[in-house]
Amino acid sequence: MKADCDLWVNKLLHYYEGLYDSGCEDMVDVRRLKMLQMVQLFKCEDDALQAVEWLSELLDALLKTHVRLGDESQETRTMLDKHKKFVDVAQSTYDYGRQLLQATVVLCQSLRCTTRSSGDTLPRLNRVWKQFTVTADERQQRLELALNFHTIAERVLQQELVEVESLDEVDSSGRTLLDRLALPIIFPDGSEQFFGTPSDTAATAEGVRERLLLIEERRLQLQEARLLNNVEDEEEAVNGLEGRLDVIGEELSEKEEQDEEEKETEHQDEDLERATQDC
């Protein structure tokens, strides 16, 4: 298309040079201006089509290669920052395409002609952009879920003393993320698409499950520690009861000895009293 346009421009230039030689300068200036506007129109149309292709390539890359969510919080945070910059590039591409199409409208009005392709290009540009924004929003939400999961999981795994509620929070966050990974992206036209291949999704989910296993190990350790504490408490209670029984036994033995001594003393007093009476 560009080669045809260049050939057409060269022919017109030779034609206008001939008109100059014939003394038709005013008509040549007007027609030269229109020719330049036509060239600009063709270029805007071609560049707008190129913007649609670029945006389509960005959408394709987002769907096929932006799959991983990171294995720890810092990596996920970095990926989230890169994703935002990626979206900014796509936004600039879309805005550039819109500006080019607006320029074609102005040029067509000035030239009183119809555009070759912008009537089809604008719907294509808007359709691809809507698909991109839906996909980019889903990608950002998954990254934010992954960042939340990794952050609380790392905090819990670093704690020596952990509460059951904290383990439950990590488990719930991980399950939510796994459920989200299994869902497709639904475009405005009702069509569906997934990030990457099934194996890519499985690999991402496996990383989440590995951390959930670590959380489950901490839960088992906590349960074992509580059982051990309960056993120790029971043993301490039994030992305390046995000690109390020993004390009670000693007190009873002392009481019996005192009673025997008192009885013996009473017997001695009675014998002494009898001996006195006999005398």
C-alpha atoms as a PDB file:
ATOM      1  CA  MET A   1       0.000   0.000   0.000  1.00  0.00           C
ATOM      2  CA  LYS A   2       2.837   2.399   0.820  1.00  0.00           C
ATOM      3  CA  ALA A   3       4.563   1.632  -2.527  1.00  0.00           C
ATOM      4  CA  ASP A   4       1.373   2.391  -4.464  1.00  0.00           C
ATOM      5  CA  CYS A   5       0.970   5.648  -2.550  1.00  0.00           C
ATOM      6  CA  ASP A   6       4.562   6.704  -3.319  1.00  0.00           C
ATOM      7  CA  LEU A   7       4.079   5.917  -7.010  1.00  0.00           C
ATOM      8  CA  TRP A   8       0.872   7.939  -7.073  1.00  0.00           C
ATOM      9  CA  VAL A   9       2.572  10.906  -5.373  1.00  0.00           C
ATOM     10  CA  ASN A  10       5.467  10.877  -7.828  1.00  0.00           C
ATOM     11  CA  LYS A  11       3.101  10.927 -10.769  1.00  0.00           C
ATOM     12  CA  LEU A  12       1.202  13.859  -9.299  1.00  0.00           C
ATOM     13  CA  LEU A  13       4.423  15.786  -8.677  1.00  0.00           C
ATOM     14  CA  HIS A  14       5.426  15.423 -12.321  1.00  0.00           C
ATOM     15  CA  TYR A  15       1.952  16.499 -13.335  1.00  0.00           C
ATOM     16  CA  TYR A  16       2.043  19.640 -11.136  1.00  0.00           C
ATOM     17  CA  GLU A  17       5.494  20.555 -12.387  1.00  0.00           C
ATOM     18  CA  GLY A  18       4.045  20.602 -15.886  1.00  0.00           C
ATOM     19  CA  LEU A  19       1.232  22.880 -14.732  1.00  0.00           C
ATOM     20  CA  TYR A  20       3.777  25.283 -13.192  1.00  0.00           C
ATOM     21  CA  ASP A  21       5.507  25.497 -16.538  1.00  0.00           C
ATOM     22  CA  SER A  22       2.153  26.409 -18.092  1.00  0.00           C
ATOM     23  CA  GLY A  23       1.655  29.357 -15.657  1.00  0.00           C
ATOM     24  CA  CYS A  24      -1.088  27.777 -13.458  1.00  0.00           C
ATOM     25  CA  GLU A  25       0.621  28.435 -10.122  1.00  0.00           C
ATOM     26  CA  ASP A  26      -2.546  29.084  -8.032  1.00  0.00           C
ATOM     27  CA  MET A  27      -4.247  25.927  -9.179  1.00  0.00           C
ATOM     28  CA  VAL A  28      -1.056  23.991  -8.570  1.00  0.00           C
ATOM     29  CA  ASP A  29      -0.758  25.273  -4.969  1.00  0.00           C
ATOM     30  CA  VAL A  30      -4.330  24.245  -4.161  1.00  0.00           C
ATOM     31  CA  ARG A  31      -3.936  20.849  -5.687  1.00  0.00           C
ATOM     32  CA  ARG A  32      -0.536  20.372  -4.083  1.00  0.00           C
ATOM     33  CA  LEU A  33      -2.121  21.077  -0.679  1.00  0.00           C
ATOM     34  CA  LYS A  34      -4.838  18.528  -1.355  1.00  0.00           C
ATOM     35  CA  MET A  35      -2.240  16.061  -2.483  1.00  0.00           C
ATOM     36  CA  LEU A  36      -0.311  16.493   0.757  1.00  0.00           C
ATOM     37  CA  GLN A  37      -3.535  16.037   2.699  1.00  0.00           C
ATOM     38  CA  MET A  38      -4.226  12.830   0.794  1.00  0.00           C
ATOM     39  CA  VAL A  39      -0.748  11.585   1.593  1.00  0.00           C
ATOM     40  CA  GLN A  40      -1.309  12.448   5.244  1.00  0.00           C
ATOM     41  CA  LEU A  41      -4.679  10.693   5.158  1.00  0.00           C
ATOM     42  CA  PHE A  42      -3.157   7.519   3.741  1.00  0.00           C
ATOM     43  CA  LYS A  43      -0.403   7.613   6.360  1.00  0.00           C
ATOM     44  CA  CYS A  44      -2.891   8.104   9.222  1.00  0.00           C
ATOM     45  CA  GLU A  45      -4.957   5.165   7.979  1.00  0.00           C
ATOM     46  CA  ASP A  46      -1.906   2.918   7.693  1.00  0.00           C
ATOM     47  CA  ASP A  47      -0.583   3.964  11.101  1.00  0.00           C
ATOM     48  CA  ALA A  48      -4.008   3.409  12.697  1.00  0.00           C
ATOM     49  CA  LEU A  49      -4.044  -0.129  11.314  1.00  0.00           C
ATOM     50  CA  GLN A  50      -0.549  -0.597  12.696  1.00  0.00           C
ATOM     51  CA  ALA A  51      -1.736   0.581  16.128  1.00  0.00           C
ATOM     52  CA  VAL A  52      -4.477  -2.073  16.035  1.00  0.00           C
ATOM     53  CA  GLU A  53      -1.869  -4.721  15.203  1.00  0.00           C
ATOM     54  CA  TRP A  54       0.394  -3.553  18.029  1.00  0.00           C
ATOM     55  CA  LEU A  55      -2.467  -3.641  20.520  1.00  0.00           C
ATOM     56  CA  SER A  56      -3.441  -7.121  19.323  1.00  0.00           C
ATOM     57  CA  GLU A  57       0.149  -8.276  19.864  1.00  0.00           C
ATOM     58  CA  LEU A  58       0.131  -6.842  23.388  1.00  0.00           C
ATOM     59  CA  LEU A  59      -3.109  -8.704  24.149  1.00  0.00           C
ATOM     60  CA  ASP A  60      -1.649 -11.925  22.745  1.00  0.00           C
ATOM     61  CA  ALA A  61       1.496 -11.522  24.864  1.00  0.00           C
ATOM     62  CA  LEU A  62      -0.601 -10.809  27.967  1.00  0.00           C
ATOM     63  CA  LEU A  63      -2.637 -13.971  27.486  1.00  0.00           C
ATOM     64  CA  LYS A  64       0.189 -16.314  26.519  1.00  0.00           C
ATOM     65  CA  THR A  65       3.219 -15.194  28.529  1.00  0.00           C
ATOM     66  CA  HIS A  66       1.940 -13.276  31.579  1.00  0.00           C
ATOM     67  CA  VAL A  67       0.926 -16.353  33.558  1.00  0.00           C
ATOM     68  CA  ARG A  68       3.232 -16.687  36.583  1.00  0.00           C
ATOM     69  CA  LEU A  69       2.245 -15.018  39.849  1.00  0.00           C
ATOM     70  CA  GLY A  70       5.560 -15.273  41.686  1.00  0.00           C
ATOM     71  CA  ASP A  71       6.801 -17.666  44.362  1.00  0.00           C
ATOM     72  CA  GLU A  72       7.146 -15.076  47.144  1.00  0.00           C
ATOM     73  CA  SER A  73       5.798 -11.635  47.981  1.00  0.00           C
ATOM     74  CA  GLN A  74       8.715  -9.554  46.687  1.00  0.00           C
ATOM     75  CA  GLU A  75       8.678 -11.281  43.309  1.00  0.00           C
ATOM     76  CA  THR A  76       4.910 -10.841  43.024  1.00  0.00           C
ATOM     77  CA  ARG A  77       5.194  -7.157  43.941  1.00  0.00           C
ATOM     78  CA  THR A  78       7.784  -6.675  41.185  1.00  0.00           C
ATOM     79  CA  MET A  79       5.541  -8.457  38.676  1.00  0.00           C
ATOM     80  CA  LEU A  80       2.641  -6.218  39.686  1.00  0.00           C
ATOM     81  CA  ASP A  81       4.727  -3.108  39.012  1.00  0.00           C
ATOM     82  CA  LYS A  82       5.784  -4.449  35.608  1.00  0.00           C
ATOM     83  CA  HIS A  83       2.175  -5.259  34.779  1.00  0.00           C
ATOM     84  CA  LYS A  84       1.121  -1.675  35.444  1.00  0.00           C
ATOM     85  CA  LYS A  85       3.853  -0.400  33.109  1.00  0.00           C
ATOM     86  CA  PHE A  86       2.724  -2.917  30.479  1.00  0.00           C
ATOM     87  CA  VAL A  87      -0.818  -1.583  30.727  1.00  0.00           C
ATOM     88  CA  ASP A  88       0.495   1.971  30.356  1.00  0.00           C
ATOM     89  CA  VAL A  89       2.153   0.984  27.061  1.00  0.00           C
ATOM     90  CA  ALA A  90      -1.102  -0.511  25.805  1.00  0.00           C
ATOM     91  CA  GLN A  91      -3.020   2.594  26.876  1.00  0.00           C
ATOM     92  CA  SER A  92      -0.600   4.790  24.912  1.00  0.00           C
ATOM     93  CA  THR A  93      -0.998   2.550  21.862  1.00  0.00           C
ATOM     94  CA  TYR A  94      -4.777   2.752  22.045  1.00  0.00           C
ATOM     95  CA  ASP A  95      -4.729   6.538  22.498  1.00  0.00           C
ATOM     96  CA  TYR A  96      -2.355   6.848  19.520  1.00  0.00           C
ATOM     97  CA  GLY A  97      -4.713   4.815  17.346  1.00  0.00           C
ATOM     98  CA  ARG A  98      -7.691   6.940  18.402  1.00  0.00           C
ATOM     99  CA  GLN A  99      -5.827  10.145  17.584  1.00  0.00           C
ATOM    100  CA  LEU A 100      -4.916   8.838  14.141  1.00  0.00           C
ATOM    101  CA  LEU A 101      -8.519   7.892  13.386  1.00  0.00           C
ATOM    102  CA  GLN A 102      -9.728  11.289  14.535  1.00  0.00           C
ATOM    103  CA  ALA A 103      -7.182  12.859  12.174  1.00  0.00           C
ATOM    104  CA  THR A 104      -8.526  10.770   9.261  1.00  0.00           C
ATOM    105  CA  VAL A 105     -12.028  12.091   9.953  1.00  0.00           C
ATOM    106  CA  VAL A 106     -10.789  15.695   9.829  1.00  0.00           C
ATOM    107  CA  LEU A 107      -8.828  15.074   6.631  1.00  0.00           C
ATOM    108  CA  CYS A 108     -11.750  13.320   4.969  1.00  0.00           C
ATOM    109  CA  GLN A 109     -14.006  16.255   5.786  1.00  0.00           C
ATOM    110  CA  SER A 110     -11.444  18.663   4.350  1.00  0.00           C
ATOM    111  CA  LEU A 111     -10.965  16.585   1.199  1.00  0.00           C
ATOM    112  CA  ARG A 112     -14.662  15.691   0.951  1.00  0.00           C
ATOM    113  CA  CYS A 113     -13.840  12.049   0.506  1.00  0.00           C
ATOM    114  CA  THR A 114     -14.492   8.787   2.282  1.00  0.00           C
ATOM    115  CA  THR A 115     -11.777   6.966   4.195  1.00  0.00           C
ATOM    116  CA  ARG A 116     -10.533   3.657   2.920  1.00  0.00           C
ATOM    117  CA  SER A 117     -10.421   1.714   6.163  1.00  0.00           C
ATOM    118  CA  SER A 118     -11.061   3.833   9.264  1.00  0.00           C
ATOM    119  CA  GLY A 119     -14.714   2.805   9.201  1.00  0.00           C
ATOM    120  CA  ASP A 120     -13.570  -0.744   9.962  1.00  0.00           C
ATOM    121  CA  THR A 121     -10.492   0.204  11.944  1.00  0.00           C
ATOM    122  CA  LEU A 122     -12.271   2.016  14.768  1.00  0.00           C
ATOM    123  CA  PRO A 123     -14.524  -0.957  15.720  1.00  0.00           C
ATOM    124  CA  ARG A 124     -11.490  -3.259  15.560  1.00  0.00           C
ATOM    125  CA  LEU A 125      -9.458  -0.916  17.749  1.00  0.00           C
ATOM    126  CA  ASN A 126     -12.254  -0.636  20.333  1.00  0.00           C
ATOM    127  CA  ARG A 127     -12.899  -4.383  20.334  1.00  0.00           C
ATOM    128  CA  VAL A 128      -9.245  -5.266  20.932  1.00  0.00           C
ATOM    129  CA  TRP A 129      -8.965  -2.573  23.612  1.00  0.00           C
ATOM    130  CA  LYS A 130     -11.984  -3.900  25.506  1.00  0.00           C
ATOM    131  CA  GLN A 131     -10.528  -7.405  25.401  1.00  0.00           C
ATOM    132  CA  PHE A 132      -7.205  -6.079  26.629  1.00  0.00           C
ATOM    133  CA  THR A 133      -8.700  -4.129  29.537  1.00  0.00           C
ATOM    134  CA  VAL A 134     -10.733  -7.143  30.713  1.00  0.00           C
ATOM    135  CA  THR A 135      -7.630  -9.345  30.532  1.00  0.00           C
ATOM    136  CA  ALA A 136      -5.387  -6.772  32.208  1.00  0.00           C
ATOM    137  CA  ASP A 137      -7.876  -6.244  35.054  1.00  0.00           C
ATOM    138  CA  GLU A 138      -8.068  -9.991  35.652  1.00  0.00           C
ATOM    139  CA  ARG A 139      -4.281 -10.263  35.621  1.00  0.00           C
ATOM    140  CA  GLN A 140      -3.959  -7.454  38.165  1.00  0.00           C
ATOM    141  CA  GLN A 141      -6.571  -8.984  40.463  1.00  0.00           C
ATOM    142  CA  ARG A 142      -4.793 -12.353  40.393  1.00  0.00           C
ATOM    143  CA  LEU A 143      -1.476 -10.700  41.183  1.00  0.00           C
ATOM    144  CA  GLU A 144      -3.057  -8.815  44.091  1.00  0.00           C
ATOM    145  CA  LEU A 145      -4.561 -12.048  45.441  1.00  0.00           C
ATOM    146  CA  ALA A 146      -1.171 -13.750  45.116  1.00  0.00           C
ATOM    147  CA  LEU A 147       0.565 -10.850  46.868  1.00  0.00           C
ATOM    148  CA  ASN A 148      -1.876 -11.026  49.772  1.00  0.00           C
ATOM    149  CA  PHE A 149      -1.466 -14.813  50.019  1.00  0.00           C
ATOM    150  CA  HIS A 150       2.345 -14.748  49.979  1.00  0.00           C
ATOM    151  CA  THR A 151       2.526 -11.839  52.433  1.00  0.00           C
ATOM    152  CA  ILE A 152       0.406 -13.446  55.156  1.00  0.00           C
ATOM    153  CA  ALA A 153       1.898 -16.907  54.499  1.00  0.00           C
ATOM    154  CA  GLU A 154       5.440 -15.600  54.953  1.00  0.00           C
ATOM    155  CA  ARG A 155       4.458 -13.761  58.126  1.00  0.00           C
ATOM    156  CA  VAL A 156       2.859 -16.873  59.619  1.00  0.00           C
ATOM    157  CA  LEU A 157       5.734 -19.166  58.614  1.00  0.00           C
ATOM    158  CA  GLN A 158       8.253 -16.826  60.280  1.00  0.00           C
ATOM    159  CA  GLN A 159       6.391 -16.723  63.594  1.00  0.00           C
ATOM    160  CA  GLU A 160       7.441 -19.102  66.349  1.00  0.00           C
ATOM    161  CA  LEU A 161       4.070 -18.868  68.063  1.00  0.00           C
ATOM    162  CA  VAL A 162       1.130 -18.824  65.697  1.00  0.00           C
ATOM    163  CA  GLU A 163      -2.598 -18.773  66.268  1.00  0.00           C
ATOM    164  CA  VAL A 164      -5.048 -21.100  64.541  1.00  0.00           C
ATOM    165  CA  GLU A 165      -6.902 -18.067  63.162  1.00  0.00           C
ATOM    166  CA  SER A 166      -3.784 -16.954  61.287  1.00  0.00           C
ATOM    167  CA  LEU A 167      -3.385 -20.399  59.721  1.00  0.00           C
ATOM    168  CA  ASP A 168      -7.036 -20.341  58.701  1.00  0.00           C
ATOM    169  CA  GLU A 169      -6.545 -16.922  57.075  1.00  0.00           C
ATOM    170  CA  VAL A 170      -3.650 -18.186  54.950  1.00  0.00           C
ATOM    171  CA  ASP A 171      -5.558 -21.306  53.982  1.00  0.00           C
ATOM    172  CA  SER A 172      -8.612 -19.284  52.939  1.00  0.00           C
ATOM    173  CA  SER A 173      -6.490 -16.872  50.907  1.00  0.00           C
ATOM    174  CA  GLY A 174      -4.732 -19.726  49.111  1.00  0.00           C
ATOM    175  CA  ARG A 175      -7.991 -21.513  48.318  1.00  0.00           C
ATOM    176  CA  THR A 176      -9.462 -18.299  46.901  1.00  0.00           C
ATOM    177  CA  LEU A 177      -6.428 -17.857  44.651  1.00  0.00           C
ATOM    178  CA  LEU A 178      -6.602 -21.451  43.397  1.00  0.00           C
ATOM    179  CA  ASP A 179     -10.293 -21.053  42.580  1.00  0.00           C
ATOM    180  CA  ARG A 180      -9.525 -17.857  40.652  1.00  0.00           C
ATOM    181  CA  LEU A 181      -6.825 -19.589  38.585  1.00  0.00           C
ATOM    182  CA  ALA A 182      -9.349 -22.136  37.371  1.00  0.00           C
ATOM    183  CA  LEU A 183     -11.702 -19.480  35.953  1.00  0.00           C
ATOM    184  CA  PRO A 184     -11.567 -18.284  32.324  1.00  0.00           C
ATOM    185  CA  ILE A 185     -11.470 -14.681  31.151  1.00  0.00           C
ATOM    186  CA  ILE A 186     -14.845 -13.698  29.731  1.00  0.00           C
ATOM    187  CA  PHE A 187     -14.696 -11.050  26.995  1.00  0.00           C
ATOM    188  CA  PRO A 188     -17.512  -8.519  26.393  1.00  0.00           C
ATOM    189  CA  ASP A 189     -18.754 -10.552  23.413  1.00  0.00           C
ATOM    190  CA  GLY A 190     -19.199 -13.615  25.649  1.00  0.00           C
ATOM    191  CA  SER A 191     -16.168 -15.530  24.372  1.00  0.00           C
ATOM    192  CA  GLU A 192     -13.761 -17.104  26.847  1.00  0.00           C
ATOM    193  CA  GLN A 193      -9.981 -17.318  27.071  1.00  0.00           C
ATOM    194  CA  PHE A 194      -7.436 -18.657  29.562  1.00  0.00           C
ATOM    195  CA  PHE A 195      -4.012 -17.394  30.554  1.00  0.00           C
ATOM    196  CA  GLY A 196      -1.330 -19.551  28.957  1.00  0.00           C
ATOM    197  CA  THR A 197      -1.653 -23.291  28.527  1.00  0.00           C
ATOM    198  CA  PRO A 198      -3.194 -25.762  31.000  1.00  0.00           C
ATOM    199  CA  SER A 199       0.316 -26.816  32.018  1.00  0.00           C
ATOM    200  CA  ASP A 200       1.213 -23.161  32.751  1.00  0.00           C
ATOM    201  CA  THR A 201      -1.835 -22.830  34.986  1.00  0.00           C
ATOM    202  CA  ALA A 202      -1.039 -26.124  36.711  1.00  0.00           C
ATOM    203  CA  ALA A 203       2.529 -24.987  37.419  1.00  0.00           C
ATOM    204  CA  THR A 204       1.276 -21.728  38.938  1.00  0.00           C
ATOM    205  CA  ALA A 205      -1.272 -23.564  41.079  1.00  0.00           C
ATOM    206  CA  GLU A 206       1.396 -26.035  42.236  1.00  0.00           C
ATOM    207  CA  GLY A 207       3.440 -23.221  43.746  1.00  0.00           C
ATOM    208  CA  VAL A 208       0.422 -22.112  45.773  1.00  0.00           C
ATOM    209  CA  ARG A 209      -0.283 -25.668  46.942  1.00  0.00           C
ATOM    210  CA  GLU A 210       3.314 -26.093  48.118  1.00  0.00           C
ATOM    211  CA  ARG A 211       2.937 -23.132  50.456  1.00  0.00           C
ATOM    212  CA  LEU A 212      -0.407 -24.423  51.649  1.00  0.00           C
ATOM    213  CA  LEU A 213       1.329 -27.692  52.554  1.00  0.00           C
ATOM    214  CA  LEU A 214       3.817 -25.743  54.676  1.00  0.00           C
ATOM    215  CA  ILE A 215       0.896 -24.067  56.421  1.00  0.00           C
ATOM    216  CA  GLU A 216      -0.701 -27.467  57.029  1.00  0.00           C
ATOM    217  CA  GLU A 217       2.557 -28.701  58.564  1.00  0.00           C
ATOM    218  CA  ARG A 218       2.516 -25.752  60.944  1.00  0.00           C
ATOM    219  CA  ARG A 219      -1.060 -26.604  61.837  1.00  0.00           C
ATOM    220  CA  LEU A 220      -0.086 -30.198  62.665  1.00  0.00           C
ATOM    221  CA  GLN A 221       2.862 -28.978  64.714  1.00  0.00           C
ATOM    222  CA  LEU A 222       0.553 -26.680  66.642  1.00  0.00           C
ATOM    223  CA  GLN A 223      -1.885 -29.515  67.308  1.00  0.00           C
ATOM    224  CA  GLU A 224       0.935 -31.792  68.497  1.00  0.00           C
ATOM    225  CA  ALA A 225       2.246 -29.078  70.791  1.00  0.00           C
ATOM    226  CA  ARG A 226      -1.196 -28.575  72.282  1.00  0.00           C
ATOM    227  CA  LEU A 227      -1.634 -32.308  72.832  1.00  0.00           C
ATOM    228  CA  LEU A 228       1.781 -32.468  74.491  1.00  0.00           C
ATOM    229  CA  ASN A 229       0.891 -29.536  76.735  1.00  0.00           C
ATOM    230  CA  ASN A 230      -2.379 -31.234  77.679  1.00  0.00           C
ATOM    231  CA  VAL A 231      -0.551 -34.450  78.567  1.00  0.00           C
ATOM    232  CA  GLU A 232       1.971 -32.524  80.658  1.00  0.00           C
ATOM    233  CA  ASP A 233      -0.846 -30.689  82.409  1.00  0.00           C
ATOM    234  CA  GLU A 234      -2.567 -33.984  83.169  1.00  0.00           C
ATOM    235  CA  GLU A 235       0.662 -35.491  84.483  1.00  0.00           C
ATOM    236  CA  GLU A 236       1.240 -32.445  86.635  1.00  0.00           C
ATOM    237  CA  ALA A 237      -2.291 -32.690  87.971  1.00  0.00           C
ATOM    238  CA  VAL A 238      -1.835 -36.404  88.751  1.00  0.00           C
ATOM    239  CA  ASN A 239       1.499 -35.739  90.426  1.00  0.00           C
ATOM    240  CA  GLY A 240      -0.089 -32.965  92.471  1.00  0.00           C
ATOM    241  CA  LEU A 241      -2.914 -35.270  93.532  1.00  0.00           C
ATOM    242  CA  GLU A 242      -0.476 -38.003  94.500  1.00  0.00           C
ATOM    243  CA  GLY A 243       1.525 -35.514  96.519  1.00  0.00           C
ATOM    244  CA  ARG A 244      -1.612 -34.350  98.279  1.00  0.00           C
ATOM    245  CA  LEU A 245      -2.572 -37.927  99.064  1.00  0.00           C
ATOM    246  CA  ASP A 246       0.879 -38.530 100.537  1.00  0.00           C
ATOM    247  CA  VAL A 247       0.468 -35.469 102.749  1.00  0.00           C
ATOM    248  CA  ILE A 248      -2.953 -36.641 103.853  1.00  0.00           C
ATOM    249  CA  GLY A 249      -1.551 -40.106 104.558  1.00  0.00           C
ATOM    250  CA  GLU A 250       1.232 -38.638 106.689  1.00  0.00           C
ATOM    251  CA  GLU A 251      -1.261 -36.480 108.555  1.00  0.00           C
ATOM    252  CA  LEU A 252      -3.429 -39.533 109.259  1.00  0.00           C
ATOM    253  CA  SER A 253      -0.402 -41.512 110.463  1.00  0.00           C
ATOM    254  CA  GLU A 254       0.555 -38.693 112.819  1.00  0.00           C
ATOM    255  CA  LYS A 255      -3.033 -38.522 114.016  1.00  0.00           C
ATOM    256  CA  GLU A 256      -3.092 -42.254 114.747  1.00  0.00           C
ATOM    257  CA  GLU A 257       0.199 -42.035 116.631  1.00  0.00           C
ATOM    258  CA  GLN A 258      -1.151 -39.154 118.712  1.00  0.00           C
ATOM    259  CA  ASP A 259      -4.324 -41.127 119.477  1.00  0.00           C
ATOM    260  CA  GLU A 260      -2.292 -44.164 120.579  1.00  0.00           C
ATOM    261  CA  GLU A 261      -0.107 -41.988 122.796  1.00  0.00           C
ATOM    262  CA  GLU A 262      -3.196 -40.409 124.343  1.00  0.00           C
ATOM    263  CA  LYS A 263      -4.739 -43.839 124.960  1.00  0.00           C
ATOM    264  CA  GLU A 264      -1.542 -45.121 126.519  1.00  0.00           C
ATOM    265  CA  THR A 265      -1.391 -42.056 128.751  1.00  0.00           C
ATOM    266  CA  GLU A 266      -4.985 -42.631 129.820  1.00  0.00           C
ATOM    267  CA  HIS A 267      -4.204 -46.269 130.657  1.00  0.00           C
ATOM    268  CA  GLN A 268      -1.246 -45.226 132.748  1.00  0.00           C
ATOM    269  CA  ASP A 269      -3.389 -42.685 134.590  1.00  0.00           C
ATOM    270  CA  GLU A 270      -6.042 -45.308 135.307  1.00  0.00           C
ATOM    271  CA  ASP A 271      -3.456 -47.802 136.605  1.00  0.00           C
ATOM    272  CA  LEU A 272      -1.967 -45.133 138.849  1.00  0.00           C
ATOM    273  CA  GLU A 273      -5.377 -44.237 140.198  1.00  0.00           C
ATOM    274  CA  ARG A 274      -6.179 -47.883 141.032  1.00  0.00           C
ATOM    275  CA  ALA A 275      -2.858 -48.335 142.773  1.00  0.00           C
ATOM    276  CA  THR A 276      -3.558 -45.302 144.903  1.00  0.00           C
ATOM    277  CA  GLN A 277      -6.976 -46.525 145.879  1.00  0.00           C
ATOM    278  CA  ASP A 278      -5.607 -49.956 146.912  1.00  0.00           C
ATOM    279  CA  CYS A 279      -3.134 -48.319 149.244  1.00  0.00           C
END
